[in-house]
Full PDB file with SEQRES, HELIX, SHEET, SSBOND, CRYST1, ORIGX, SCALE, CONECT and MASTER records, all heavy atoms in Angstrom:
SEQRES   1 A   31  LEU PHE VAL CYS MET GLY ASN ILE CYS ARG SER PRO SER          
SEQRES   2 A   31  ALA GLU GLY VAL PHE ARG HIS MET ILE ASN GLU ALA GLY          
SEQRES   3 A   31  LEU SER ASP VAL ILE                                          
HELIX    1 AA1 ARG A   10  GLU A   24  1                                  15    
CRYST1    1.000    1.000    1.000  90.00  90.00  90.00 P 1           1          
ORIGX1      1.000000  0.000000  0.000000        0.00000                         
ORIGX2      0.000000  1.000000  0.000000        0.00000                         
ORIGX3      0.000000  0.000000  1.000000        0.00000                         
SCALE1      1.000000  0.000000  0.000000        0.00000                         
SCALE2      0.000000  1.000000  0.000000        0.00000                         
SCALE3      0.000000  0.000000  1.000000        0.00000                         
ATOM      1  N   LEU A   1       7.527   2.196   1.212  1.00  0.00           N  
ATOM      2  CA  LEU A   1       7.755   0.827   0.759  1.00  0.00           C  
ATOM      3  C   LEU A   1       7.425  -0.132   1.897  1.00  0.00           C  
ATOM      4  O   LEU A   1       7.920   0.029   3.011  1.00  0.00           O  
ATOM      5  CB  LEU A   1       9.220   0.642   0.342  1.00  0.00           C  
ATOM      6  CG  LEU A   1       9.620  -0.735  -0.178  1.00  0.00           C  
ATOM      7  CD1 LEU A   1       8.919  -1.041  -1.510  1.00  0.00           C  
ATOM      8  CD2 LEU A   1      11.129  -0.823  -0.352  1.00  0.00           C  
ATOM      9  N   PHE A   2       6.575  -1.117   1.616  1.00  0.00           N  
ATOM     10  CA  PHE A   2       6.196  -2.146   2.586  1.00  0.00           C  
ATOM     11  C   PHE A   2       7.000  -3.409   2.270  1.00  0.00           C  
ATOM     12  O   PHE A   2       7.069  -3.817   1.106  1.00  0.00           O  
ATOM     13  CB  PHE A   2       4.703  -2.445   2.500  1.00  0.00           C  
ATOM     14  CG  PHE A   2       3.849  -1.258   2.853  1.00  0.00           C  
ATOM     15  CD1 PHE A   2       3.308  -0.455   1.868  1.00  0.00           C  
ATOM     16  CD2 PHE A   2       3.590  -0.948   4.180  1.00  0.00           C  
ATOM     17  CE1 PHE A   2       2.513   0.636   2.196  1.00  0.00           C  
ATOM     18  CE2 PHE A   2       2.806   0.141   4.515  1.00  0.00           C  
ATOM     19  CZ  PHE A   2       2.263   0.936   3.519  1.00  0.00           C  
ATOM     20  N   VAL A   3       7.582  -4.027   3.314  1.00  0.00           N  
ATOM     21  CA  VAL A   3       8.485  -5.154   3.083  1.00  0.00           C  
ATOM     22  C   VAL A   3       8.161  -6.330   4.003  1.00  0.00           C  
ATOM     23  O   VAL A   3       8.012  -6.166   5.215  1.00  0.00           O  
ATOM     24  CB  VAL A   3       9.957  -4.723   3.301  1.00  0.00           C  
ATOM     25  CG1 VAL A   3      10.903  -5.881   3.019  1.00  0.00           C  
ATOM     26  CG2 VAL A   3      10.308  -3.523   2.426  1.00  0.00           C  
ATOM     27  N   CYS A   4       8.058  -7.515   3.400  1.00  0.00           N  
ATOM     28  CA  CYS A   4       7.958  -8.772   4.154  1.00  0.00           C  
ATOM     29  C   CYS A   4       9.005  -9.724   3.582  1.00  0.00           C  
ATOM     30  O   CYS A   4       9.916  -9.291   2.878  1.00  0.00           O  
ATOM     31  CB  CYS A   4       6.545  -9.353   4.100  1.00  0.00           C  
ATOM     32  SG  CYS A   4       5.996  -9.953   2.493  1.00  0.00           S  
ATOM     33  N   MET A   5       8.888 -10.995   3.832  1.00  0.00           N  
ATOM     34  CA  MET A   5       9.913 -11.925   3.392  1.00  0.00           C  
ATOM     35  C   MET A   5       9.852 -12.217   1.894  1.00  0.00           C  
ATOM     36  O   MET A   5      10.833 -12.077   1.184  1.00  0.00           O  
ATOM     37  CB  MET A   5       9.828 -13.233   4.175  1.00  0.00           C  
ATOM     38  CG  MET A   5      10.974 -14.176   3.861  1.00  0.00           C  
ATOM     39  SD  MET A   5      11.035 -15.597   4.944  1.00  0.00           S  
ATOM     40  CE  MET A   5      11.576 -14.815   6.451  1.00  0.00           C  
ATOM     41  N   GLY A   6       8.696 -12.635   1.397  1.00  0.00           N  
ATOM     42  CA  GLY A   6       8.605 -13.065   0.008  1.00  0.00           C  
ATOM     43  C   GLY A   6       7.826 -12.156  -0.916  1.00  0.00           C  
ATOM     44  O   GLY A   6       7.777 -12.386  -2.117  1.00  0.00           O  
ATOM     45  N   ASN A   7       7.166 -11.143  -0.371  1.00  0.00           N  
ATOM     46  CA  ASN A   7       6.385 -10.187  -1.145  1.00  0.00           C  
ATOM     47  C   ASN A   7       5.187 -10.830  -1.842  1.00  0.00           C  
ATOM     48  O   ASN A   7       4.811 -10.450  -2.943  1.00  0.00           O  
ATOM     49  CB  ASN A   7       7.276  -9.442  -2.144  1.00  0.00           C  
ATOM     50  CG  ASN A   7       6.621  -8.219  -2.785  1.00  0.00           C  
ATOM     51  OD1 ASN A   7       6.862  -7.938  -3.954  1.00  0.00           O  
ATOM     52  ND2 ASN A   7       5.821  -7.488  -2.051  1.00  0.00           N  
ATOM     53  N   ILE A   8       4.550 -11.817  -1.155  1.00  0.00           N  
ATOM     54  CA  ILE A   8       3.332 -12.402  -1.730  1.00  0.00           C  
ATOM     55  C   ILE A   8       2.162 -12.411  -0.744  1.00  0.00           C  
ATOM     56  O   ILE A   8       1.046 -12.758  -1.132  1.00  0.00           O  
ATOM     57  CB  ILE A   8       3.555 -13.830  -2.274  1.00  0.00           C  
ATOM     58  CG1 ILE A   8       3.990 -14.789  -1.165  1.00  0.00           C  
ATOM     59  CG2 ILE A   8       4.514 -13.828  -3.455  1.00  0.00           C  
ATOM     60  CD1 ILE A   8       3.912 -16.249  -1.551  1.00  0.00           C  
ATOM     61  N   CYS A   9       2.385 -12.045   0.517  1.00  0.00           N  
ATOM     62  CA  CYS A   9       1.290 -12.055   1.503  1.00  0.00           C  
ATOM     63  C   CYS A   9       1.160 -10.686   2.184  1.00  0.00           C  
ATOM     64  O   CYS A   9       0.300  -9.900   1.836  1.00  0.00           O  
ATOM     65  CB  CYS A   9       1.498 -13.136   2.567  1.00  0.00           C  
ATOM     66  SG  CYS A   9       1.418 -14.828   1.958  1.00  0.00           S  
ATOM     67  N   ARG A  10       2.017 -10.438   3.152  1.00  0.00           N  
ATOM     68  CA  ARG A  10       1.864  -9.256   4.001  1.00  0.00           C  
ATOM     69  C   ARG A  10       2.163  -7.944   3.286  1.00  0.00           C  
ATOM     70  O   ARG A  10       1.364  -7.000   3.370  1.00  0.00           O  
ATOM     71  CB  ARG A  10       2.738  -9.390   5.243  1.00  0.00           C  
ATOM     72  CG  ARG A  10       2.310 -10.543   6.137  1.00  0.00           C  
ATOM     73  CD  ARG A  10       3.283 -10.792   7.254  1.00  0.00           C  
ATOM     74  NE  ARG A  10       4.533 -11.329   6.735  1.00  0.00           N  
ATOM     75  CZ  ARG A  10       5.636 -11.502   7.445  1.00  0.00           C  
ATOM     76  NH1 ARG A  10       5.649 -11.166   8.722  1.00  0.00           N  
ATOM     77  NH2 ARG A  10       6.716 -12.021   6.909  1.00  0.00           N  
ATOM     78  N   SER A  11       3.286  -7.856   2.605  1.00  0.00           N  
ATOM     79  CA  SER A  11       3.625  -6.560   1.995  1.00  0.00           C  
ATOM     80  C   SER A  11       2.701  -6.168   0.843  1.00  0.00           C  
ATOM     81  O   SER A  11       2.313  -5.002   0.750  1.00  0.00           O  
ATOM     82  CB  SER A  11       5.100  -6.489   1.600  1.00  0.00           C  
ATOM     83  OG  SER A  11       5.469  -7.506   0.711  1.00  0.00           O  
ATOM     84  N   PRO A  12       2.265  -7.093  -0.029  1.00  0.00           N  
ATOM     85  CA  PRO A  12       1.285  -6.667  -1.027  1.00  0.00           C  
ATOM     86  C   PRO A  12      -0.062  -6.303  -0.395  1.00  0.00           C  
ATOM     87  O   PRO A  12      -0.774  -5.430  -0.894  1.00  0.00           O  
ATOM     88  CB  PRO A  12       1.163  -7.839  -1.992  1.00  0.00           C  
ATOM     89  CG  PRO A  12       1.847  -8.982  -1.360  1.00  0.00           C  
ATOM     90  CD  PRO A  12       2.738  -8.454  -0.285  1.00  0.00           C  
ATOM     91  N   SER A  13      -0.395  -6.963   0.728  1.00  0.00           N  
ATOM     92  CA  SER A  13      -1.623  -6.586   1.447  1.00  0.00           C  
ATOM     93  C   SER A  13      -1.509  -5.162   1.952  1.00  0.00           C  
ATOM     94  O   SER A  13      -2.438  -4.361   1.799  1.00  0.00           O  
ATOM     95  CB  SER A  13      -1.877  -7.541   2.622  1.00  0.00           C  
ATOM     96  OG  SER A  13      -2.173  -8.832   2.168  1.00  0.00           O  
ATOM     97  N   ALA A  14      -0.377  -4.840   2.566  1.00  0.00           N  
ATOM     98  CA  ALA A  14      -0.169  -3.482   3.080  1.00  0.00           C  
ATOM     99  C   ALA A  14      -0.187  -2.466   1.948  1.00  0.00           C  
ATOM    100  O   ALA A  14      -0.784  -1.391   2.066  1.00  0.00           O  
ATOM    101  CB  ALA A  14       1.145  -3.408   3.851  1.00  0.00           C  
ATOM    102  N   GLU A  15       0.436  -2.811   0.838  1.00  0.00           N  
ATOM    103  CA  GLU A  15       0.427  -1.912  -0.326  1.00  0.00           C  
ATOM    104  C   GLU A  15      -1.001  -1.665  -0.804  1.00  0.00           C  
ATOM    105  O   GLU A  15      -1.397  -0.526  -1.066  1.00  0.00           O  
ATOM    106  CB  GLU A  15       1.271  -2.509  -1.452  1.00  0.00           C  
ATOM    107  CG  GLU A  15       1.289  -1.656  -2.701  1.00  0.00           C  
ATOM    108  CD  GLU A  15       2.036  -2.289  -3.861  1.00  0.00           C  
ATOM    109  OE1 GLU A  15       2.646  -3.369  -3.697  1.00  0.00           O  
ATOM    110  OE2 GLU A  15       1.995  -1.690  -4.962  1.00  0.00           O  
ATOM    111  N   GLY A  16      -1.792  -2.726  -0.917  1.00  0.00           N  
ATOM    112  CA  GLY A  16      -3.173  -2.581  -1.386  1.00  0.00           C  
ATOM    113  C   GLY A  16      -4.044  -1.789  -0.429  1.00  0.00           C  
ATOM    114  O   GLY A  16      -4.824  -0.928  -0.843  1.00  0.00           O  
ATOM    115  N   VAL A  17      -3.916  -2.057   0.864  1.00  0.00           N  
ATOM    116  CA  VAL A  17      -4.683  -1.321   1.879  1.00  0.00           C  
ATOM    117  C   VAL A  17      -4.293   0.149   1.864  1.00  0.00           C  
ATOM    118  O   VAL A  17      -5.154   1.036   1.841  1.00  0.00           O  
ATOM    119  CB  VAL A  17      -4.464  -1.934   3.285  1.00  0.00           C  
ATOM    120  CG1 VAL A  17      -4.997  -1.007   4.380  1.00  0.00           C  
ATOM    121  CG2 VAL A  17      -5.123  -3.305   3.379  1.00  0.00           C  
ATOM    122  N   PHE A  18      -2.999   0.412   1.851  1.00  0.00           N  
ATOM    123  CA  PHE A  18      -2.537   1.803   1.906  1.00  0.00           C  
ATOM    124  C   PHE A  18      -2.888   2.551   0.619  1.00  0.00           C  
ATOM    125  O   PHE A  18      -3.279   3.718   0.669  1.00  0.00           O  
ATOM    126  CB  PHE A  18      -1.038   1.852   2.185  1.00  0.00           C  
ATOM    127  CG  PHE A  18      -0.561   3.209   2.638  1.00  0.00           C  
ATOM    128  CD1 PHE A  18      -1.064   3.786   3.795  1.00  0.00           C  
ATOM    129  CD2 PHE A  18       0.395   3.903   1.926  1.00  0.00           C  
ATOM    130  CE1 PHE A  18      -0.635   5.035   4.223  1.00  0.00           C  
ATOM    131  CE2 PHE A  18       0.837   5.144   2.339  1.00  0.00           C  
ATOM    132  CZ  PHE A  18       0.321   5.713   3.486  1.00  0.00           C  
ATOM    133  N   ARG A  19      -2.789   1.886  -0.519  1.00  0.00           N  
ATOM    134  CA  ARG A  19      -3.162   2.520  -1.794  1.00  0.00           C  
ATOM    135  C   ARG A  19      -4.642   2.930  -1.748  1.00  0.00           C  
ATOM    136  O   ARG A  19      -5.008   4.035  -2.156  1.00  0.00           O  
ATOM    137  CB  ARG A  19      -2.900   1.576  -2.959  1.00  0.00           C  
ATOM    138  CG  ARG A  19      -3.133   2.218  -4.321  1.00  0.00           C  
ATOM    139  CD  ARG A  19      -2.737   1.303  -5.469  1.00  0.00           C  
ATOM    140  NE  ARG A  19      -1.410   0.739  -5.349  1.00  0.00           N  
ATOM    141  CZ  ARG A  19      -0.266   1.379  -5.587  1.00  0.00           C  
ATOM    142  NH1 ARG A  19      -0.298   2.635  -5.969  1.00  0.00           N  
ATOM    143  NH2 ARG A  19       0.891   0.767  -5.450  1.00  0.00           N  
ATOM    144  N   HIS A  20      -5.482   2.041  -1.236  1.00  0.00           N  
ATOM    145  CA  HIS A  20      -6.905   2.338  -1.094  1.00  0.00           C  
ATOM    146  C   HIS A  20      -7.114   3.566  -0.196  1.00  0.00           C  
ATOM    147  O   HIS A  20      -7.896   4.468  -0.518  1.00  0.00           O  
ATOM    148  CB  HIS A  20      -7.622   1.113  -0.522  1.00  0.00           C  
ATOM    149  CG  HIS A  20      -9.082   1.281  -0.340  1.00  0.00           C  
ATOM    150  ND1 HIS A  20      -9.988   1.078  -1.358  1.00  0.00           N  
ATOM    151  CD2 HIS A  20      -9.812   1.646   0.744  1.00  0.00           C  
ATOM    152  CE1 HIS A  20     -11.207   1.311  -0.910  1.00  0.00           C  
ATOM    153  NE2 HIS A  20     -11.133   1.651   0.364  1.00  0.00           N  
ATOM    154  N   MET A  21      -6.398   3.597   0.920  1.00  0.00           N  
ATOM    155  CA  MET A  21      -6.529   4.710   1.870  1.00  0.00           C  
ATOM    156  C   MET A  21      -6.076   6.036   1.267  1.00  0.00           C  
ATOM    157  O   MET A  21      -6.746   7.058   1.446  1.00  0.00           O  
ATOM    158  CB  MET A  21      -5.728   4.427   3.138  1.00  0.00           C  
ATOM    159  CG  MET A  21      -6.321   3.363   4.011  1.00  0.00           C  
ATOM    160  SD  MET A  21      -5.259   3.076   5.462  1.00  0.00           S  
ATOM    161  CE  MET A  21      -6.259   1.894   6.362  1.00  0.00           C  
ATOM    162  N   ILE A  22      -4.962   6.036   0.557  1.00  0.00           N  
ATOM    163  CA  ILE A  22      -4.493   7.315   0.004  1.00  0.00           C  
ATOM    164  C   ILE A  22      -5.364   7.770  -1.161  1.00  0.00           C  
ATOM    165  O   ILE A  22      -5.560   8.968  -1.350  1.00  0.00           O  
ATOM    166  CB  ILE A  22      -2.997   7.301  -0.374  1.00  0.00           C  
ATOM    167  CG1 ILE A  22      -2.711   6.348  -1.499  1.00  0.00           C  
ATOM    168  CG2 ILE A  22      -2.119   7.056   0.820  1.00  0.00           C  
ATOM    169  CD1 ILE A  22      -1.421   6.661  -2.217  1.00  0.00           C  
ATOM    170  N   ASN A  23      -5.906   6.824  -1.912  1.00  0.00           N  
ATOM    171  CA  ASN A  23      -6.840   7.197  -2.976  1.00  0.00           C  
ATOM    172  C   ASN A  23      -8.091   7.843  -2.381  1.00  0.00           C  
ATOM    173  O   ASN A  23      -8.561   8.871  -2.879  1.00  0.00           O  
ATOM    174  CB  ASN A  23      -7.214   5.990  -3.826  1.00  0.00           C  
ATOM    175  CG  ASN A  23      -6.104   5.560  -4.752  1.00  0.00           C  
ATOM    176  OD1 ASN A  23      -5.178   6.317  -5.050  1.00  0.00           O  
ATOM    177  ND2 ASN A  23      -6.161   4.321  -5.204  1.00  0.00           N  
ATOM    178  N   GLU A  24      -8.628   7.233  -1.315  1.00  0.00           N  
ATOM    179  CA  GLU A  24      -9.811   7.793  -0.652  1.00  0.00           C  
ATOM    180  C   GLU A  24      -9.518   9.158  -0.035  1.00  0.00           C  
ATOM    181  O   GLU A  24     -10.401  10.007   0.036  1.00  0.00           O  
ATOM    182  CB  GLU A  24     -10.326   6.824   0.403  1.00  0.00           C  
ATOM    183  CG  GLU A  24     -10.881   5.557  -0.211  1.00  0.00           C  
ATOM    184  CD  GLU A  24     -12.139   5.091   0.449  1.00  0.00           C  
ATOM    185  OE1 GLU A  24     -12.327   5.322   1.652  1.00  0.00           O  
ATOM    186  OE2 GLU A  24     -12.969   4.498  -0.271  1.00  0.00           O  
ATOM    187  N   ALA A  25      -8.283   9.360   0.410  1.00  0.00           N  
ATOM    188  CA  ALA A  25      -7.894  10.635   1.026  1.00  0.00           C  
ATOM    189  C   ALA A  25      -7.509  11.684  -0.021  1.00  0.00           C  
ATOM    190  O   ALA A  25      -7.227  12.831   0.338  1.00  0.00           O  
ATOM    191  CB  ALA A  25      -6.728  10.410   1.989  1.00  0.00           C  
ATOM    192  N   GLY A  26      -7.476  11.295  -1.299  1.00  0.00           N  
ATOM    193  CA  GLY A  26      -7.107  12.231  -2.355  1.00  0.00           C  
ATOM    194  C   GLY A  26      -5.628  12.584  -2.356  1.00  0.00           C  
ATOM    195  O   GLY A  26      -5.249  13.676  -2.782  1.00  0.00           O  
ATOM    196  N   LEU A  27      -4.796  11.651  -1.915  1.00  0.00           N  
ATOM    197  CA  LEU A  27      -3.359  11.928  -1.796  1.00  0.00           C  
ATOM    198  C   LEU A  27      -2.500  11.117  -2.771  1.00  0.00           C  
ATOM    199  O   LEU A  27      -1.274  11.108  -2.642  1.00  0.00           O  
ATOM    200  CB  LEU A  27      -2.896  11.646  -0.362  1.00  0.00           C  
ATOM    201  CG  LEU A  27      -3.507  12.524   0.722  1.00  0.00           C  
ATOM    202  CD1 LEU A  27      -3.154  11.989   2.107  1.00  0.00           C  
ATOM    203  CD2 LEU A  27      -3.043  13.963   0.554  1.00  0.00           C  
ATOM    204  N   SER A  28      -3.111  10.454  -3.732  1.00  0.00           N  
ATOM    205  CA  SER A  28      -2.343   9.582  -4.621  1.00  0.00           C  
ATOM    206  C   SER A  28      -1.332  10.340  -5.482  1.00  0.00           C  
ATOM    207  O   SER A  28      -0.375   9.737  -5.968  1.00  0.00           O  
ATOM    208  CB  SER A  28      -3.270   8.753  -5.505  1.00  0.00           C  
ATOM    209  OG  SER A  28      -4.124   9.587  -6.247  1.00  0.00           O  
ATOM    210  N   ASP A  29      -1.517  11.642  -5.631  1.00  0.00           N  
ATOM    211  CA  ASP A  29      -0.551  12.416  -6.425  1.00  0.00           C  
ATOM    212  C   ASP A  29       0.662  12.866  -5.610  1.00  0.00           C  
ATOM    213  O   ASP A  29       1.647  13.333  -6.178  1.00  0.00           O  
ATOM    214  CB  ASP A  29      -1.237  13.626  -7.063  1.00  0.00           C  
ATOM    215  CG  ASP A  29      -1.905  14.542  -6.052  1.00  0.00           C  
ATOM    216  OD1 ASP A  29      -2.286  14.060  -4.961  1.00  0.00           O  
ATOM    217  OD2 ASP A  29      -2.050  15.742  -6.349  1.00  0.00           O  
ATOM    218  N   VAL A  30       0.627  12.690  -4.277  1.00  0.00           N  
ATOM    219  CA  VAL A  30       1.749  13.123  -3.439  1.00  0.00           C  
ATOM    220  C   VAL A  30       2.349  12.002  -2.600  1.00  0.00           C  
ATOM    221  O   VAL A  30       3.327  12.216  -1.884  1.00  0.00           O  
ATOM    222  CB  VAL A  30       1.360  14.308  -2.511  1.00  0.00           C  
ATOM    223  CG1 VAL A  30       1.070  15.560  -3.334  1.00  0.00           C  
ATOM    224  CG2 VAL A  30       0.194  13.954  -1.618  1.00  0.00           C  
ATOM    225  N   ILE A  31       1.779  10.792  -2.677  1.00  0.00           N  
ATOM    226  CA  ILE A  31       2.309   9.652  -1.926  1.00  0.00           C  
ATOM    227  C   ILE A  31       2.494   8.481  -2.884  1.00  0.00           C  
ATOM    228  O   ILE A  31       1.546   8.040  -3.526  1.00  0.00           O  
ATOM    229  CB  ILE A  31       1.375   9.243  -0.772  1.00  0.00           C  
ATOM    230  CG1 ILE A  31       1.191  10.412   0.198  1.00  0.00           C  
ATOM    231  CG2 ILE A  31       1.942   8.025  -0.036  1.00  0.00           C  
ATOM    232  CD1 ILE A  31       0.150  10.171   1.269  1.00  0.00           C  
TER     233      ILE A  31                                                      
MASTER        0    0    0    1    0    0    0    6  232    1    0    3          
END                                                                             
């Protein structure tokens, strides 16, 4: 879970970046 103050800038950015990375790594079924 990524957390910032309002959940409209930093934490959704981190979620999107990390989701992209785990999808590319083939780990979306375990993370």
